[in-house]
Amino acid sequence: MLDINNRTKTYIKHKNIFTALDGVTFRVEKGEFIAVVGPSGSGKSTLLHTIGGLIRPDSGQVQYNGNDIYTLDHSAVNNYRSRHVGFVFQQFHLVPWLTVYENIQLVCKTLSCRQTIGDHLDRCGLLPLKNKYPSELSVGEKQRTAFVRAIITKPEILLADEPTGNLDPQNAGMLMTMVGNFRKEGGTVILVSHHPETAGYAGKTITLESGKIV
């Protein structure tokens, strides 16, 4: 499904070259749950963002079903992100002037997608809060809203960057149960975390250190 081949990415910070990814290679099969772990600055988030088409690497390939996404034109890359990939971030990225319902509706392009919003909110315990704004939500409620927004379009791949980083154990467990349900329904999950208990939900773990798999 996904082949990450010899991915390399460097940044220049204060005139110094920082290597975020250094020849990273691995394969992701459909339906897998992979956790990417490692110390801060090891390249975890950069790897996730290159897989999602958000950061162009310096070299190597990210092949989705045999096609390198970075050889596609801008429109095709956007199509890959919007149709096949869902993102969950530690900082939620909810639009503050939109309600819970409106934040999720924002990514729906079809009537059939919009018609499933209520069911998803109900399953996540958010239906009574659908008309609330992000400022009126708890941290856990914000993250559950972000999760529904990520999976409402039925993506094949869920990319989660430290999704439990701001959550207490109860809310973290609730979110990881929802991630597990996404996988049980056929989804593929790649999750970045520095919490061993969160990574423990995965079937495979990849450890990065200084941009390399160890």
N, C-alpha and C. Protein backbone atom coordinates (compact mmCIF):
# COMPACT_ATOMS: atom_id res chain seq x y z
N MET A 1 0.83 -1.21 0.00
CA MET A 1 0.00 0.00 0.00
C MET A 1 0.87 1.27 0.00
N LEU A 2 1.75 1.37 1.01
CA LEU A 2 2.69 2.49 1.09
C LEU A 2 4.10 1.96 1.15
N ASP A 3 4.94 2.50 0.28
CA ASP A 3 6.37 2.16 0.31
C ASP A 3 7.16 3.45 0.50
N ILE A 4 7.85 3.52 1.62
CA ILE A 4 8.70 4.68 1.90
C ILE A 4 10.13 4.23 1.59
N ASN A 5 10.72 4.81 0.56
CA ASN A 5 12.01 4.35 0.06
C ASN A 5 13.08 5.43 0.19
N ASN A 6 14.02 5.20 1.09
CA ASN A 6 15.22 6.05 1.20
C ASN A 6 14.87 7.53 1.35
N ARG A 7 13.91 7.81 2.26
CA ARG A 7 13.48 9.20 2.47
C ARG A 7 14.55 9.98 3.20
N THR A 8 14.86 11.14 2.67
CA THR A 8 15.84 12.03 3.28
C THR A 8 15.28 13.45 3.32
N LYS A 9 15.45 14.11 4.45
CA LYS A 9 15.01 15.50 4.58
C LYS A 9 15.95 16.23 5.52
N THR A 10 16.49 17.36 5.05
CA THR A 10 17.36 18.18 5.89
C THR A 10 16.80 19.60 5.99
N TYR A 11 17.13 20.25 7.08
CA TYR A 11 16.77 21.65 7.30
C TYR A 11 18.03 22.44 7.64
N ILE A 12 17.98 23.73 7.37
CA ILE A 12 19.08 24.61 7.78
C ILE A 12 18.58 25.47 8.94
N LYS A 13 19.23 25.31 10.09
CA LYS A 13 18.88 26.08 11.27
C LYS A 13 20.11 26.84 11.76
N HIS A 14 19.99 28.18 11.77
CA HIS A 14 21.10 29.02 12.21
C HIS A 14 22.40 28.66 11.47
N LYS A 15 22.26 28.49 10.15
CA LYS A 15 23.38 28.18 9.26
C LYS A 15 23.95 26.77 9.47
N ASN A 16 23.30 25.98 10.32
CA ASN A 16 23.72 24.60 10.53
C ASN A 16 22.73 23.67 9.83
N ILE A 17 23.23 22.59 9.26
CA ILE A 17 22.38 21.61 8.59
C ILE A 17 21.90 20.57 9.59
N PHE A 18 20.57 20.41 9.67
CA PHE A 18 19.97 19.43 10.57
C PHE A 18 19.30 18.35 9.73
N THR A 19 19.68 17.10 9.92
CA THR A 19 19.12 15.99 9.17
C THR A 19 17.94 15.41 9.94
N ALA A 20 16.73 15.64 9.41
CA ALA A 20 15.53 15.13 10.07
C ALA A 20 15.25 13.69 9.69
N LEU A 21 15.48 13.34 8.42
CA LEU A 21 15.32 11.96 7.94
C LEU A 21 16.56 11.58 7.16
N ASP A 22 17.04 10.37 7.41
CA ASP A 22 18.31 9.95 6.81
C ASP A 22 18.16 8.53 6.24
N GLY A 23 17.67 8.44 5.01
CA GLY A 23 17.56 7.15 4.34
C GLY A 23 16.52 6.23 4.94
N VAL A 24 15.37 6.76 5.34
CA VAL A 24 14.33 5.94 5.97
C VAL A 24 13.60 5.11 4.92
N THR A 25 13.51 3.81 5.18
CA THR A 25 12.85 2.88 4.26
C THR A 25 12.01 1.88 5.05
N PHE A 26 10.75 1.76 4.71
CA PHE A 26 9.89 0.70 5.26
C PHE A 26 8.61 0.62 4.44
N ARG A 27 7.84 -0.45 4.65
CA ARG A 27 6.60 -0.68 3.91
C ARG A 27 5.44 -0.73 4.88
N VAL A 28 4.30 -0.19 4.44
CA VAL A 28 3.08 -0.22 5.22
C VAL A 28 2.04 -1.01 4.44
N GLU A 29 1.55 -2.11 5.03
CA GLU A 29 0.52 -2.91 4.39
C GLU A 29 -0.86 -2.36 4.75
N LYS A 30 -1.82 -2.58 3.88
CA LYS A 30 -3.19 -2.16 4.14
C LYS A 30 -3.70 -2.79 5.43
N GLY A 31 -4.29 -1.98 6.30
CA GLY A 31 -4.85 -2.47 7.54
C GLY A 31 -3.87 -2.54 8.70
N GLU A 32 -2.61 -2.17 8.48
CA GLU A 32 -1.62 -2.20 9.57
C GLU A 32 -1.83 -1.01 10.51
N PHE A 33 -1.36 -1.20 11.74
CA PHE A 33 -1.31 -0.13 12.74
C PHE A 33 0.15 -0.03 13.16
N ILE A 34 0.82 1.03 12.71
CA ILE A 34 2.24 1.22 12.97
C ILE A 34 2.43 2.43 13.89
N ALA A 35 3.21 2.23 14.94
CA ALA A 35 3.60 3.34 15.82
C ALA A 35 5.03 3.74 15.49
N VAL A 36 5.26 5.04 15.37
CA VAL A 36 6.61 5.57 15.16
C VAL A 36 7.03 6.26 16.45
N VAL A 37 8.09 5.75 17.06
CA VAL A 37 8.53 6.27 18.35
C VAL A 37 9.98 6.73 18.25
N GLY A 38 10.41 7.45 19.27
CA GLY A 38 11.78 7.94 19.31
C GLY A 38 11.85 9.24 20.10
N PRO A 39 13.04 9.67 20.45
CA PRO A 39 13.20 10.90 21.23
C PRO A 39 12.80 12.13 20.44
N SER A 40 12.61 13.22 21.15
CA SER A 40 12.30 14.49 20.50
C SER A 40 13.40 14.87 19.52
N GLY A 41 12.98 15.29 18.31
CA GLY A 41 13.95 15.67 17.30
C GLY A 41 14.48 14.52 16.48
N SER A 42 13.89 13.34 16.63
CA SER A 42 14.39 12.16 15.90
C SER A 42 13.84 12.07 14.49
N GLY A 43 12.87 12.93 14.14
CA GLY A 43 12.33 12.93 12.78
C GLY A 43 10.94 12.33 12.65
N LYS A 44 10.29 12.03 13.76
CA LYS A 44 9.00 11.35 13.73
C LYS A 44 7.95 12.17 12.98
N SER A 45 7.77 13.42 13.37
CA SER A 45 6.74 14.25 12.75
C SER A 45 7.08 14.55 11.29
N THR A 46 8.36 14.78 11.00
CA THR A 46 8.75 15.02 9.61
C THR A 46 8.41 13.82 8.75
N LEU A 47 8.66 12.62 9.25
CA LEU A 47 8.32 11.40 8.51
C LEU A 47 6.82 11.34 8.24
N LEU A 48 6.02 11.61 9.26
CA LEU A 48 4.56 11.56 9.10
C LEU A 48 4.09 12.58 8.07
N HIS A 49 4.66 13.77 8.12
CA HIS A 49 4.24 14.84 7.21
C HIS A 49 4.66 14.57 5.76
N THR A 50 5.81 13.89 5.57
CA THR A 50 6.19 13.53 4.21
C THR A 50 5.27 12.45 3.66
N ILE A 51 4.84 11.52 4.50
CA ILE A 51 3.90 10.48 4.06
C ILE A 51 2.56 11.11 3.68
N GLY A 52 2.17 12.14 4.42
CA GLY A 52 0.89 12.79 4.16
C GLY A 52 0.91 13.82 3.04
N GLY A 53 2.06 14.04 2.43
CA GLY A 53 2.14 15.00 1.35
C GLY A 53 2.19 16.44 1.81
N LEU A 54 2.57 16.66 3.07
CA LEU A 54 2.62 18.01 3.62
C LEU A 54 4.02 18.62 3.53
N ILE A 55 5.05 17.79 3.55
CA ILE A 55 6.44 18.26 3.48
C ILE A 55 7.15 17.48 2.38
N ARG A 56 7.67 18.18 1.40
CA ARG A 56 8.38 17.51 0.30
C ARG A 56 9.78 17.12 0.78
N PRO A 57 10.12 15.83 0.69
CA PRO A 57 11.46 15.40 1.10
C PRO A 57 12.51 15.82 0.08
N ASP A 58 13.77 15.74 0.49
CA ASP A 58 14.86 16.09 -0.42
C ASP A 58 15.12 14.98 -1.44
N SER A 59 14.95 13.74 -1.02
CA SER A 59 15.20 12.61 -1.92
C SER A 59 14.42 11.39 -1.45
N GLY A 60 14.36 10.37 -2.31
CA GLY A 60 13.62 9.16 -1.99
C GLY A 60 12.18 9.24 -2.47
N GLN A 61 11.40 8.23 -2.14
CA GLN A 61 10.04 8.12 -2.63
C GLN A 61 9.05 7.84 -1.51
N VAL A 62 7.83 8.31 -1.72
CA VAL A 62 6.67 7.85 -0.95
C VAL A 62 5.69 7.31 -1.97
N GLN A 63 5.63 6.00 -2.11
CA GLN A 63 4.78 5.38 -3.11
C GLN A 63 3.46 4.93 -2.47
N TYR A 64 2.37 5.42 -3.04
CA TYR A 64 1.04 4.99 -2.63
C TYR A 64 0.46 4.16 -3.76
N ASN A 65 0.23 2.88 -3.49
CA ASN A 65 -0.26 1.95 -4.52
C ASN A 65 0.58 2.02 -5.80
N GLY A 66 1.90 2.12 -5.60
CA GLY A 66 2.84 2.07 -6.72
C GLY A 66 3.19 3.40 -7.35
N ASN A 67 2.54 4.49 -6.93
CA ASN A 67 2.81 5.81 -7.52
C ASN A 67 3.49 6.72 -6.50
N ASP A 68 4.61 7.29 -6.88
CA ASP A 68 5.31 8.23 -6.00
C ASP A 68 4.51 9.53 -5.95
N ILE A 69 4.01 9.88 -4.77
CA ILE A 69 3.13 11.06 -4.67
C ILE A 69 3.87 12.35 -5.00
N TYR A 70 5.19 12.34 -4.88
CA TYR A 70 5.93 13.58 -5.13
C TYR A 70 6.34 13.75 -6.60
N THR A 71 5.89 12.82 -7.45
CA THR A 71 6.03 13.04 -8.89
C THR A 71 4.72 13.51 -9.49
N LEU A 72 3.67 13.59 -8.65
CA LEU A 72 2.36 14.03 -9.12
C LEU A 72 2.29 15.56 -9.16
N ASP A 73 1.36 16.10 -9.93
CA ASP A 73 1.18 17.54 -9.93
C ASP A 73 0.45 17.98 -8.67
N HIS A 74 0.37 19.28 -8.45
CA HIS A 74 -0.18 19.83 -7.21
C HIS A 74 -1.61 19.36 -6.98
N SER A 75 -2.41 19.33 -8.02
CA SER A 75 -3.79 18.92 -7.91
C SER A 75 -3.91 17.46 -7.48
N ALA A 76 -3.06 16.61 -8.03
CA ALA A 76 -3.10 15.19 -7.70
C ALA A 76 -2.66 14.94 -6.26
N VAL A 77 -1.67 15.70 -5.78
CA VAL A 77 -1.24 15.57 -4.39
C VAL A 77 -2.37 16.00 -3.44
N ASN A 78 -3.05 17.09 -3.79
CA ASN A 78 -4.19 17.52 -2.98
C ASN A 78 -5.28 16.46 -2.96
N ASN A 79 -5.48 15.81 -4.09
CA ASN A 79 -6.48 14.74 -4.18
C ASN A 79 -6.09 13.56 -3.29
N TYR A 80 -4.80 13.22 -3.27
CA TYR A 80 -4.30 12.16 -2.40
C TYR A 80 -4.58 12.49 -0.93
N ARG A 81 -4.28 13.72 -0.54
CA ARG A 81 -4.50 14.12 0.86
C ARG A 81 -5.98 14.12 1.22
N SER A 82 -6.82 14.66 0.35
CA SER A 82 -8.23 14.85 0.70
C SER A 82 -9.04 13.56 0.61
N ARG A 83 -8.66 12.65 -0.29
CA ARG A 83 -9.45 11.44 -0.50
C ARG A 83 -8.93 10.23 0.26
N HIS A 84 -7.63 10.16 0.47
CA HIS A 84 -7.05 8.92 0.98
C HIS A 84 -6.42 9.04 2.37
N VAL A 85 -6.22 10.26 2.86
CA VAL A 85 -5.50 10.46 4.12
C VAL A 85 -6.31 11.32 5.07
N GLY A 86 -6.37 10.89 6.34
CA GLY A 86 -6.95 11.70 7.40
C GLY A 86 -5.86 12.05 8.40
N PHE A 87 -5.88 13.28 8.92
CA PHE A 87 -4.85 13.75 9.85
C PHE A 87 -5.44 14.06 11.21
N VAL A 88 -4.74 13.64 12.27
CA VAL A 88 -5.06 14.06 13.63
C VAL A 88 -3.78 14.59 14.25
N PHE A 89 -3.83 15.83 14.75
CA PHE A 89 -2.66 16.47 15.32
C PHE A 89 -2.85 16.72 16.82
N GLN A 90 -1.76 16.91 17.53
CA GLN A 90 -1.81 17.19 18.96
C GLN A 90 -2.53 18.51 19.24
N GLN A 91 -2.43 19.47 18.33
CA GLN A 91 -2.99 20.80 18.56
C GLN A 91 -4.40 20.99 17.98
N PHE A 92 -5.02 19.93 17.48
CA PHE A 92 -6.42 19.89 17.03
C PHE A 92 -6.68 20.64 15.72
N HIS A 93 -6.24 21.89 15.62
CA HIS A 93 -6.46 22.71 14.43
C HIS A 93 -7.94 22.86 14.08
N LEU A 94 -8.77 23.08 15.09
CA LEU A 94 -10.19 23.36 14.85
C LEU A 94 -10.35 24.84 14.52
N VAL A 95 -11.32 25.15 13.69
CA VAL A 95 -11.61 26.55 13.34
C VAL A 95 -12.42 27.16 14.48
N PRO A 96 -11.90 28.18 15.17
CA PRO A 96 -12.53 28.65 16.40
C PRO A 96 -13.92 29.26 16.23
N TRP A 97 -14.22 29.81 15.04
CA TRP A 97 -15.53 30.46 14.85
C TRP A 97 -16.58 29.51 14.25
N LEU A 98 -16.23 28.23 14.14
CA LEU A 98 -17.19 27.24 13.67
C LEU A 98 -17.55 26.29 14.80
N THR A 99 -18.79 25.81 14.79
CA THR A 99 -19.24 24.85 15.79
C THR A 99 -18.60 23.48 15.54
N VAL A 100 -18.82 22.56 16.49
CA VAL A 100 -18.35 21.19 16.32
C VAL A 100 -18.85 20.63 14.99
N TYR A 101 -20.15 20.76 14.76
CA TYR A 101 -20.76 20.24 13.54
C TYR A 101 -20.15 20.91 12.30
N GLU A 102 -19.99 22.21 12.35
CA GLU A 102 -19.48 22.96 11.20
C GLU A 102 -18.01 22.63 10.92
N ASN A 103 -17.21 22.39 11.97
CA ASN A 103 -15.82 22.01 11.78
C ASN A 103 -15.70 20.71 11.01
N ILE A 104 -16.61 19.79 11.31
CA ILE A 104 -16.58 18.50 10.62
C ILE A 104 -17.16 18.62 9.22
N GLN A 105 -18.26 19.37 9.11
CA GLN A 105 -18.90 19.55 7.82
C GLN A 105 -17.96 20.20 6.81
N LEU A 106 -17.00 20.96 7.31
CA LEU A 106 -16.06 21.69 6.46
C LEU A 106 -15.33 20.77 5.48
N VAL A 107 -15.04 19.53 5.89
CA VAL A 107 -14.27 18.64 5.03
C VAL A 107 -15.17 17.76 4.16
N CYS A 108 -16.48 17.78 4.41
CA CYS A 108 -17.40 16.95 3.62
C CYS A 108 -17.68 17.60 2.27
N LYS A 109 -17.46 16.86 1.22
CA LYS A 109 -17.69 17.37 -0.13
C LYS A 109 -18.97 16.81 -0.74
N THR A 110 -19.59 15.83 -0.07
CA THR A 110 -20.79 15.19 -0.63
C THR A 110 -21.91 15.18 0.40
N LEU A 111 -23.13 15.04 -0.09
CA LEU A 111 -24.29 14.95 0.80
C LEU A 111 -24.21 13.69 1.67
N SER A 112 -23.76 12.58 1.10
CA SER A 112 -23.67 11.34 1.86
C SER A 112 -22.71 11.47 3.04
N CYS A 113 -21.63 12.23 2.86
CA CYS A 113 -20.69 12.49 3.95
C CYS A 113 -21.37 13.30 5.05
N ARG A 114 -22.06 14.36 4.67
CA ARG A 114 -22.73 15.21 5.65
C ARG A 114 -23.80 14.44 6.43
N GLN A 115 -24.43 13.48 5.77
CA GLN A 115 -25.49 12.72 6.41
C GLN A 115 -24.97 11.76 7.49
N THR A 116 -23.67 11.51 7.51
CA THR A 116 -23.11 10.60 8.51
C THR A 116 -22.55 11.34 9.73
N ILE A 117 -22.54 12.68 9.69
CA ILE A 117 -21.92 13.44 10.78
C ILE A 117 -22.60 13.14 12.11
N GLY A 118 -23.93 13.18 12.12
CA GLY A 118 -24.65 12.95 13.37
C GLY A 118 -24.34 11.59 13.98
N ASP A 119 -24.25 10.56 13.15
CA ASP A 119 -23.95 9.21 13.64
C ASP A 119 -22.55 9.15 14.25
N HIS A 120 -21.57 9.77 13.58
CA HIS A 120 -20.21 9.78 14.11
C HIS A 120 -20.14 10.54 15.44
N LEU A 121 -20.84 11.66 15.51
CA LEU A 121 -20.84 12.44 16.75
C LEU A 121 -21.47 11.64 17.89
N ASP A 122 -22.52 10.92 17.57
CA ASP A 122 -23.20 10.11 18.58
C ASP A 122 -22.27 9.02 19.10
N ARG A 123 -21.57 8.35 18.20
CA ARG A 123 -20.66 7.27 18.59
C ARG A 123 -19.52 7.77 19.46
N CYS A 124 -19.15 9.03 19.30
CA CYS A 124 -18.03 9.60 20.06
C CYS A 124 -18.50 10.42 21.26
N GLY A 125 -19.80 10.38 21.55
CA GLY A 125 -20.33 11.12 22.69
C GLY A 125 -20.35 12.62 22.51
N LEU A 126 -20.38 13.08 21.26
CA LEU A 126 -20.31 14.51 20.98
C LEU A 126 -21.61 15.10 20.46
N LEU A 127 -22.63 14.27 20.25
CA LEU A 127 -23.85 14.77 19.64
C LEU A 127 -24.49 15.91 20.43
N PRO A 128 -24.53 15.84 21.78
CA PRO A 128 -25.10 16.97 22.54
C PRO A 128 -24.30 18.27 22.41
N LEU A 129 -23.06 18.16 21.91
CA LEU A 129 -22.17 19.32 21.82
C LEU A 129 -22.04 19.85 20.40
N LYS A 130 -22.86 19.38 19.48
CA LYS A 130 -22.66 19.69 18.06
C LYS A 130 -22.74 21.18 17.75
N ASN A 131 -23.45 21.96 18.57
CA ASN A 131 -23.57 23.40 18.33
C ASN A 131 -22.64 24.23 19.21
N LYS A 132 -21.74 23.56 19.92
CA LYS A 132 -20.76 24.26 20.75
C LYS A 132 -19.56 24.68 19.90
N TYR A 133 -18.88 25.74 20.35
CA TYR A 133 -17.66 26.20 19.70
C TYR A 133 -16.44 25.59 20.40
N PRO A 134 -15.30 25.52 19.72
CA PRO A 134 -14.11 24.91 20.34
C PRO A 134 -13.76 25.49 21.72
N SER A 135 -13.97 26.79 21.90
CA SER A 135 -13.64 27.40 23.19
C SER A 135 -14.52 26.89 24.32
N GLU A 136 -15.63 26.25 23.98
CA GLU A 136 -16.56 25.72 24.99
C GLU A 136 -16.33 24.24 25.27
N LEU A 137 -15.33 23.65 24.63
CA LEU A 137 -15.08 22.22 24.76
C LEU A 137 -13.90 21.94 25.68
N SER A 138 -13.91 20.75 26.29
CA SER A 138 -12.74 20.29 27.03
C SER A 138 -11.68 19.84 26.03
N VAL A 139 -10.48 19.59 26.52
CA VAL A 139 -9.39 19.14 25.65
C VAL A 139 -9.76 17.82 24.97
N GLY A 140 -10.32 16.90 25.73
CA GLY A 140 -10.71 15.61 25.18
C GLY A 140 -11.79 15.75 24.12
N GLU A 141 -12.73 16.64 24.34
CA GLU A 141 -13.81 16.87 23.37
C GLU A 141 -13.27 17.48 22.08
N LYS A 142 -12.29 18.36 22.22
CA LYS A 142 -11.67 18.94 21.02
C LYS A 142 -10.97 17.86 20.21
N GLN A 143 -10.25 16.96 20.87
CA GLN A 143 -9.53 15.94 20.14
C GLN A 143 -10.48 14.94 19.48
N ARG A 144 -11.58 14.62 20.15
CA ARG A 144 -12.56 13.72 19.54
C ARG A 144 -13.20 14.38 18.31
N THR A 145 -13.44 15.69 18.39
CA THR A 145 -13.96 16.41 17.23
C THR A 145 -12.97 16.36 16.08
N ALA A 146 -11.69 16.56 16.39
CA ALA A 146 -10.65 16.50 15.36
C ALA A 146 -10.57 15.10 14.75
N PHE A 147 -10.77 14.08 15.59
CA PHE A 147 -10.73 12.71 15.09
C PHE A 147 -11.89 12.44 14.13
N VAL A 148 -13.10 12.85 14.50
CA VAL A 148 -14.25 12.66 13.61
C VAL A 148 -14.00 13.38 12.29
N ARG A 149 -13.49 14.59 12.36
CA ARG A 149 -13.20 15.34 11.13
C ARG A 149 -12.19 14.59 10.26
N ALA A 150 -11.24 13.89 10.88
CA ALA A 150 -10.21 13.18 10.12
C ALA A 150 -10.75 11.95 9.41
N ILE A 151 -11.76 11.29 10.00
CA ILE A 151 -12.21 10.01 9.42
C ILE A 151 -13.57 10.10 8.75
N ILE A 152 -14.22 11.26 8.77
CA ILE A 152 -15.58 11.39 8.25
C ILE A 152 -15.65 11.11 6.74
N THR A 153 -14.58 11.37 6.02
CA THR A 153 -14.56 11.14 4.57
C THR A 153 -14.12 9.72 4.20
N LYS A 154 -13.96 8.87 5.21
CA LYS A 154 -13.57 7.47 5.02
C LYS A 154 -12.22 7.33 4.32
N PRO A 155 -11.18 7.95 4.87
CA PRO A 155 -9.85 7.81 4.27
C PRO A 155 -9.33 6.39 4.49
N GLU A 156 -8.40 5.98 3.64
CA GLU A 156 -7.76 4.67 3.82
C GLU A 156 -6.69 4.73 4.90
N ILE A 157 -6.08 5.90 5.06
CA ILE A 157 -4.93 6.04 5.95
C ILE A 157 -5.20 7.13 6.98
N LEU A 158 -4.95 6.82 8.25
CA LEU A 158 -5.02 7.81 9.31
C LEU A 158 -3.62 8.09 9.82
N LEU A 159 -3.20 9.36 9.73
CA LEU A 159 -1.90 9.80 10.24
C LEU A 159 -2.14 10.60 11.51
N ALA A 160 -1.61 10.12 12.62
CA ALA A 160 -1.85 10.75 13.91
C ALA A 160 -0.53 11.18 14.55
N ASP A 161 -0.38 12.48 14.77
CA ASP A 161 0.87 13.04 15.30
C ASP A 161 0.66 13.42 16.76
N GLU A 162 1.16 12.58 17.67
CA GLU A 162 1.03 12.79 19.13
C GLU A 162 -0.43 13.10 19.51
N PRO A 163 -1.39 12.28 19.10
CA PRO A 163 -2.80 12.63 19.32
C PRO A 163 -3.22 12.62 20.78
N THR A 164 -2.46 11.92 21.64
CA THR A 164 -2.82 11.86 23.07
C THR A 164 -1.93 12.75 23.92
N GLY A 165 -1.08 13.55 23.28
CA GLY A 165 -0.09 14.33 24.02
C GLY A 165 -0.67 15.29 25.04
N ASN A 166 -1.88 15.83 24.76
CA ASN A 166 -2.49 16.79 25.68
C ASN A 166 -3.62 16.20 26.50
N LEU A 167 -3.79 14.87 26.44
CA LEU A 167 -4.96 14.24 27.06
C LEU A 167 -4.62 13.53 28.36
N ASP A 168 -5.58 13.51 29.29
CA ASP A 168 -5.42 12.72 30.50
C ASP A 168 -5.61 11.25 30.14
N PRO A 169 -5.26 10.31 31.03
CA PRO A 169 -5.34 8.89 30.69
C PRO A 169 -6.73 8.42 30.23
N GLN A 170 -7.78 8.94 30.85
CA GLN A 170 -9.13 8.51 30.47
C GLN A 170 -9.45 8.93 29.03
N ASN A 171 -9.19 10.19 28.71
CA ASN A 171 -9.47 10.67 27.36
C ASN A 171 -8.53 10.05 26.33
N ALA A 172 -7.28 9.79 26.74
CA ALA A 172 -6.34 9.13 25.83
C ALA A 172 -6.83 7.73 25.48
N GLY A 173 -7.33 7.01 26.49
CA GLY A 173 -7.86 5.67 26.25
C GLY A 173 -9.07 5.70 25.34
N MET A 174 -9.93 6.71 25.53
CA MET A 174 -11.12 6.84 24.69
C MET A 174 -10.74 7.10 23.23
N LEU A 175 -9.75 7.99 23.04
CA LEU A 175 -9.33 8.30 21.68
C LEU A 175 -8.70 7.07 21.01
N MET A 176 -7.86 6.36 21.75
CA MET A 176 -7.19 5.20 21.17
C MET A 176 -8.18 4.08 20.85
N THR A 177 -9.25 3.98 21.60
CA THR A 177 -10.31 3.02 21.26
C THR A 177 -10.92 3.38 19.93
N MET A 178 -11.15 4.68 19.68
CA MET A 178 -11.72 5.12 18.41
C MET A 178 -10.74 4.86 17.26
N VAL A 179 -9.45 5.08 17.51
CA VAL A 179 -8.44 4.79 16.49
C VAL A 179 -8.44 3.29 16.19
N GLY A 180 -8.55 2.47 17.24
CA GLY A 180 -8.60 1.03 17.06
C GLY A 180 -9.81 0.60 16.26
N ASN A 181 -10.94 1.24 16.48
CA ASN A 181 -12.15 0.93 15.72
C ASN A 181 -11.99 1.29 14.25
N PHE A 182 -11.31 2.40 13.97
CA PHE A 182 -11.03 2.78 12.59
C PHE A 182 -10.23 1.69 11.90
N ARG A 183 -9.26 1.15 12.62
CA ARG A 183 -8.44 0.08 12.04
C ARG A 183 -9.26 -1.20 11.84
N LYS A 184 -10.12 -1.54 12.81
CA LYS A 184 -10.94 -2.74 12.69
C LYS A 184 -11.87 -2.67 11.49
N GLU A 185 -12.24 -1.46 11.09
CA GLU A 185 -13.12 -1.28 9.94
C GLU A 185 -12.35 -1.24 8.62
N GLY A 186 -11.04 -1.56 8.69
CA GLY A 186 -10.24 -1.67 7.47
C GLY A 186 -9.24 -0.56 7.24
N GLY A 187 -9.18 0.42 8.13
CA GLY A 187 -8.27 1.54 7.95
C GLY A 187 -6.83 1.19 8.31
N THR A 188 -5.92 1.98 7.79
CA THR A 188 -4.49 1.84 8.07
C THR A 188 -4.07 3.02 8.94
N VAL A 189 -3.30 2.75 9.99
CA VAL A 189 -2.94 3.79 10.95
C VAL A 189 -1.42 3.90 11.08
N ILE A 190 -0.90 5.12 10.98
CA ILE A 190 0.49 5.41 11.32
C ILE A 190 0.45 6.49 12.38
N LEU A 191 0.94 6.17 13.56
CA LEU A 191 0.80 7.05 14.72
C LEU A 191 2.17 7.37 15.31
N VAL A 192 2.42 8.64 15.51
CA VAL A 192 3.64 9.11 16.17
C VAL A 192 3.35 9.35 17.64
N SER A 193 4.18 8.81 18.51
CA SER A 193 3.96 9.01 19.95
C SER A 193 5.25 8.79 20.72
N HIS A 194 5.38 9.51 21.84
CA HIS A 194 6.48 9.23 22.76
C HIS A 194 5.95 8.57 24.03
N HIS A 195 4.65 8.22 24.03
CA HIS A 195 4.05 7.52 25.17
C HIS A 195 4.03 6.02 24.90
N PRO A 196 4.75 5.21 25.68
CA PRO A 196 4.76 3.77 25.46
C PRO A 196 3.38 3.13 25.50
N GLU A 197 2.50 3.64 26.37
CA GLU A 197 1.17 3.06 26.48
C GLU A 197 0.34 3.30 25.22
N THR A 198 0.57 4.45 24.56
CA THR A 198 -0.13 4.72 23.30
C THR A 198 0.43 3.86 22.18
N ALA A 199 1.75 3.77 22.09
CA ALA A 199 2.39 2.94 21.07
C ALA A 199 2.02 1.48 21.24
N GLY A 200 1.65 1.09 22.46
CA GLY A 200 1.30 -0.30 22.73
C GLY A 200 0.06 -0.79 22.00
N TYR A 201 -0.76 0.14 21.48
CA TYR A 201 -1.93 -0.25 20.72
C TYR A 201 -1.57 -0.76 19.32
N ALA A 202 -0.38 -0.44 18.86
CA ALA A 202 0.02 -0.74 17.48
C ALA A 202 0.46 -2.19 17.33
N GLY A 203 0.38 -2.70 16.11
CA GLY A 203 0.86 -4.04 15.82
C GLY A 203 2.34 -4.06 15.47
N LYS A 204 2.89 -2.92 15.06
CA LYS A 204 4.30 -2.82 14.71
C LYS A 204 4.83 -1.48 15.19
N THR A 205 6.07 -1.47 15.65
CA THR A 205 6.69 -0.23 16.11
C THR A 205 7.97 0.04 15.32
N ILE A 206 8.10 1.27 14.87
CA ILE A 206 9.33 1.73 14.20
C ILE A 206 9.97 2.78 15.09
N THR A 207 11.24 2.57 15.42
CA THR A 207 11.95 3.50 16.29
C THR A 207 12.92 4.33 15.46
N LEU A 208 12.79 5.66 15.60
CA LEU A 208 13.70 6.58 14.92
C LEU A 208 14.67 7.19 15.91
N GLU A 209 15.88 7.37 15.44
CA GLU A 209 16.90 8.07 16.25
C GLU A 209 17.79 8.83 15.27
N SER A 210 17.86 10.15 15.45
CA SER A 210 18.64 11.01 14.55
C SER A 210 18.29 10.80 13.10
N GLY A 211 17.00 10.62 12.84
CA GLY A 211 16.53 10.50 11.47
C GLY A 211 16.66 9.13 10.85
N LYS A 212 17.16 8.14 11.60
CA LYS A 212 17.34 6.79 11.07
C LYS A 212 16.49 5.79 11.85
N ILE A 213 16.09 4.71 11.15
CA ILE A 213 15.40 3.62 11.82
C ILE A 213 16.45 2.78 12.56
N VAL A 214 16.19 2.52 13.84
CA VAL A 214 17.13 1.72 14.65
C VAL A 214 16.42 0.50 15.19
